[in-house]
Amino acid sequence: MAPMSFNPATGLVYLGILNDTAVHAVTSDFKINLHDQITGADRSYIGPVRDQWLKMVSTGRLVAWDPVAQREAWHADLPDPKSGGTLTTAGNLVFQGRADGTLVAYRATDGKQLWEFDTGIGIAAPPMTYEVNGNQYIAVLAGWGGPMVLNNRPVGKGKVGPGLVLSFALGARRHSLVSSEKFSRFQCRHSVLRRPRQ
């Protein structure tokens, strides 16, 4: 799964959750071999369990988890099951990229969505932050792939296309990270670095 983040100010962990199922039926003649990695899977299995499995729907959500109280503080349902990792900042923000290509910023304390940007391609990587000349930036590698996408599984649904690196200026002053209140009013500037044509 995608990387999670922890915010010491809120005391919360932010992570993408995937609710998905799988069926593993074994062949009747399967014998375990401790020196081999075979699983005995019966790829031709068709039966009532498979029929139930095919009717199940995968879902995804961004969850803010309180590790001390061992409970969910808030969540945001996602349009597609899989998602990218998270980044949380000292300015009370949480960023997450989604399979539908949207980079979203939430208020870290209550999950209110503050901003979004459609990158045009699914985002599997976690965003990161850096500072240049007193300005804070958020950058993310947008790209969608992996086994679930290549195997055409419903849980791998997302926007596929050439990868992008995107960077967004938050307009922070030196040694002062942007707060969620300022973030909801700022104008996002972005630059897109595309792969060179071959």
Protein backbone atom coordinates (compact mmCIF):
# COMPACT_ATOMS: atom_id res chain seq x y z
CA MET A 1 0.00 0.00 0.00
CA ALA A 2 0.96 3.63 -0.33
CA PRO A 3 3.02 5.44 2.34
CA MET A 4 1.21 7.09 5.25
CA SER A 5 2.14 10.22 7.19
CA PHE A 6 1.98 11.35 10.83
CA ASN A 7 1.31 14.88 12.04
CA PRO A 8 2.71 15.56 15.56
CA ALA A 9 0.48 18.64 15.94
CA THR A 10 -2.79 16.75 15.37
CA GLY A 11 -1.51 13.41 16.71
CA LEU A 12 -3.12 11.70 13.71
CA VAL A 13 -1.84 9.26 11.09
CA TYR A 14 -3.15 9.78 7.54
CA LEU A 15 -3.41 6.72 5.32
CA GLY A 16 -5.18 5.42 2.26
CA ILE A 17 -7.43 2.43 2.94
CA LEU A 18 -8.32 -0.17 0.32
CA ASN A 19 -11.27 -2.46 1.06
CA ASP A 20 -10.86 -5.34 -1.36
CA THR A 21 -11.31 -9.09 -1.47
CA ALA A 22 -9.69 -12.05 -3.18
CA VAL A 23 -10.51 -15.71 -3.73
CA HIS A 24 -7.87 -18.39 -3.28
CA ALA A 25 -9.13 -21.85 -4.20
CA VAL A 26 -6.60 -24.67 -4.18
CA THR A 27 -6.48 -27.76 -6.35
CA SER A 28 -7.67 -30.99 -4.72
CA ASP A 29 -4.27 -32.65 -5.17
CA PHE A 30 -2.18 -29.77 -3.74
CA LYS A 31 0.68 -30.74 -1.43
CA ILE A 32 2.81 -28.11 0.22
CA ASN A 33 6.47 -27.99 -0.79
CA LEU A 34 8.56 -25.94 1.66
CA HIS A 35 11.27 -25.47 -0.99
CA ASP A 36 8.95 -23.92 -3.56
CA GLN A 37 6.74 -20.86 -3.66
CA ILE A 38 3.76 -22.46 -5.36
CA THR A 39 0.40 -21.69 -3.81
CA GLY A 40 -1.68 -24.52 -5.23
CA ALA A 41 -4.11 -22.02 -6.72
CA ASP A 42 -6.79 -23.48 -8.92
CA ARG A 43 -7.04 -20.83 -11.64
CA SER A 44 -9.97 -22.66 -13.24
CA TYR A 45 -12.15 -22.62 -10.09
CA ILE A 46 -15.76 -21.66 -10.77
CA GLY A 47 -18.19 -21.99 -7.91
CA PRO A 48 -20.48 -20.21 -5.43
CA VAL A 49 -17.66 -18.42 -3.57
CA ARG A 50 -16.35 -17.00 -6.85
CA ASP A 51 -19.87 -15.87 -7.79
CA GLN A 52 -20.19 -14.00 -4.47
CA TRP A 53 -16.71 -12.50 -4.92
CA LEU A 54 -17.55 -11.15 -8.38
CA LYS A 55 -20.52 -9.24 -6.90
CA MET A 56 -18.42 -7.48 -4.24
CA VAL A 57 -17.39 -3.87 -4.81
CA SER A 58 -13.94 -2.56 -3.84
CA THR A 59 -13.87 0.80 -2.07
CA GLY A 60 -11.22 3.24 -0.90
CA ARG A 61 -10.96 6.08 1.56
CA LEU A 62 -8.49 8.46 3.15
CA VAL A 63 -8.52 7.90 6.92
CA ALA A 64 -7.21 10.10 9.71
CA TRP A 65 -6.40 7.60 12.48
CA ASP A 66 -5.82 8.40 16.13
CA PRO A 67 -3.19 5.84 17.22
CA VAL A 68 -3.62 6.62 20.93
CA ALA A 69 -7.42 6.31 21.05
CA GLN A 70 -7.29 3.52 18.42
CA ARG A 71 -10.11 5.02 16.37
CA GLU A 72 -10.84 6.92 13.19
CA ALA A 73 -10.95 10.71 13.62
CA TRP A 74 -12.38 11.40 10.15
CA HIS A 75 -12.38 9.96 6.65
CA ALA A 76 -12.93 10.98 3.04
CA ASP A 77 -14.43 8.47 0.61
CA LEU A 78 -12.51 8.15 -2.66
CA PRO A 79 -14.05 7.80 -6.13
CA ASP A 80 -11.75 4.85 -6.96
CA PRO A 81 -10.50 2.14 -4.58
CA LYS A 82 -6.73 2.67 -4.77
CA SER A 83 -4.96 5.91 -3.98
CA GLY A 84 -1.54 7.43 -3.50
CA GLY A 85 0.36 8.03 -0.28
CA THR A 86 -0.15 11.01 1.98
CA LEU A 87 1.79 14.07 3.11
CA THR A 88 0.85 16.17 6.12
CA THR A 89 2.35 19.55 6.95
CA ALA A 90 2.83 21.75 10.01
CA GLY A 91 0.31 24.11 8.39
CA ASN A 92 -2.57 21.72 9.20
CA LEU A 93 -2.79 20.27 5.69
CA VAL A 94 -2.99 16.72 4.31
CA PHE A 95 -2.28 16.00 0.64
CA GLN A 96 -3.19 12.84 -1.24
CA GLY A 97 -3.17 11.89 -4.92
CA ARG A 98 -6.00 9.74 -6.22
CA ALA A 99 -6.43 7.16 -8.99
CA ASP A 100 -8.67 9.56 -10.92
CA GLY A 101 -5.70 11.94 -11.26
CA THR A 102 -6.77 14.48 -8.65
CA LEU A 103 -4.31 15.87 -6.10
CA VAL A 104 -6.36 16.95 -3.07
CA ALA A 105 -5.59 19.05 0.01
CA TYR A 106 -7.61 18.56 3.19
CA ARG A 107 -7.59 20.33 6.54
CA ALA A 108 -5.69 17.89 8.78
CA THR A 109 -7.84 18.38 11.87
CA ASP A 110 -11.29 17.67 10.37
CA GLY A 111 -10.84 16.49 6.76
CA LYS A 112 -12.51 19.46 5.09
CA GLN A 113 -11.42 19.51 1.44
CA LEU A 114 -9.69 22.81 0.71
CA TRP A 115 -8.28 22.43 -2.80
CA GLU A 116 -7.91 20.02 -5.71
CA PHE A 117 -6.04 19.87 -9.01
CA ASP A 118 -6.67 17.43 -11.87
CA THR A 119 -3.30 16.17 -13.12
CA GLY A 120 -4.86 14.10 -15.89
CA ILE A 121 -3.17 10.88 -14.73
CA GLY A 122 -3.61 8.65 -11.68
CA ILE A 123 -1.31 9.33 -8.72
CA ALA A 124 0.24 6.38 -6.88
CA ALA A 125 3.18 8.18 -5.24
CA PRO A 126 2.98 10.24 -2.06
CA PRO A 127 3.40 14.02 -2.38
CA MET A 128 6.49 15.61 -0.85
CA THR A 129 7.35 19.11 0.28
CA TYR A 130 10.44 21.29 0.00
CA GLU A 131 11.45 24.91 0.47
CA VAL A 132 13.30 27.24 -1.91
CA ASN A 133 14.09 30.86 -0.99
CA GLY A 134 11.52 30.86 1.80
CA ASN A 135 8.70 29.47 -0.34
CA GLN A 136 7.14 26.09 0.38
CA TYR A 137 6.33 23.78 -2.51
CA ILE A 138 4.40 20.54 -2.83
CA ALA A 139 5.59 18.14 -5.53
CA VAL A 140 4.16 14.86 -6.70
CA LEU A 141 5.05 12.25 -9.27
CA ALA A 142 1.84 11.48 -11.16
CA GLY A 143 1.72 8.06 -12.80
CA TRP A 144 -0.51 5.01 -12.62
CA GLY A 145 0.46 1.37 -13.09
CA GLY A 146 1.45 -1.78 -11.26
CA PRO A 147 0.10 -5.34 -11.14
CA MET A 148 -3.52 -4.43 -10.41
CA VAL A 149 -3.59 -2.07 -13.39
CA LEU A 150 -1.71 -4.43 -15.71
CA ASN A 151 -3.97 -7.35 -14.74
CA ASN A 152 -7.02 -5.18 -15.46
CA ARG A 153 -8.42 -5.69 -11.96
CA PRO A 154 -11.27 -3.33 -11.01
CA VAL A 155 -9.31 -2.17 -7.97
CA GLY A 156 -6.58 -0.93 -10.34
CA LYS A 157 -8.97 1.42 -12.10
CA GLY A 158 -7.44 4.85 -12.66
CA LYS A 159 -6.23 7.28 -15.30
CA VAL A 160 -3.25 5.84 -17.18
CA GLY A 161 -0.86 7.94 -19.28
CA PRO A 162 2.69 9.30 -19.45
CA GLY A 163 4.15 10.18 -16.05
CA LEU A 164 4.45 13.77 -14.84
CA VAL A 165 6.28 15.58 -12.07
CA LEU A 166 4.21 18.49 -10.79
CA SER A 167 5.19 21.19 -8.32
CA PHE A 168 2.87 23.66 -6.60
CA ALA A 169 3.99 26.84 -4.80
CA LEU A 170 2.17 27.45 -1.55
CA GLY A 171 3.40 31.03 -1.21
CA ALA A 172 4.85 30.55 2.26
CA ARG A 173 7.25 33.09 3.75
CA ARG A 174 10.65 32.02 5.06
CA HIS A 175 10.32 29.80 8.16
CA SER A 176 6.53 30.01 8.05
CA LEU A 177 4.53 27.14 6.61
CA VAL A 178 1.17 27.88 5.06
CA SER A 179 -1.84 27.22 7.28
CA SER A 180 -5.09 25.65 6.10
CA GLU A 181 -6.85 29.03 6.37
CA LYS A 182 -4.37 30.73 4.04
CA PHE A 183 -4.32 27.72 1.73
CA SER A 184 -8.02 27.95 0.90
CA ARG A 185 -7.50 31.50 -0.46
CA PHE A 186 -4.20 31.25 -2.33
CA GLN A 187 -3.83 30.99 -6.08
CA CYS A 188 -2.03 27.80 -7.04
CA ARG A 189 0.86 28.15 -9.48
CA HIS A 190 2.13 24.98 -11.02
CA SER A 191 4.74 23.90 -13.45
CA VAL A 192 4.66 20.62 -15.29
CA LEU A 193 7.85 18.82 -16.21
CA ARG A 194 7.13 16.27 -18.92
CA ARG A 195 9.39 13.44 -19.98
CA PRO A 196 11.48 14.39 -23.03
CA ARG A 197 10.23 12.99 -26.30
CA GLN A 198 12.29 10.15 -27.65
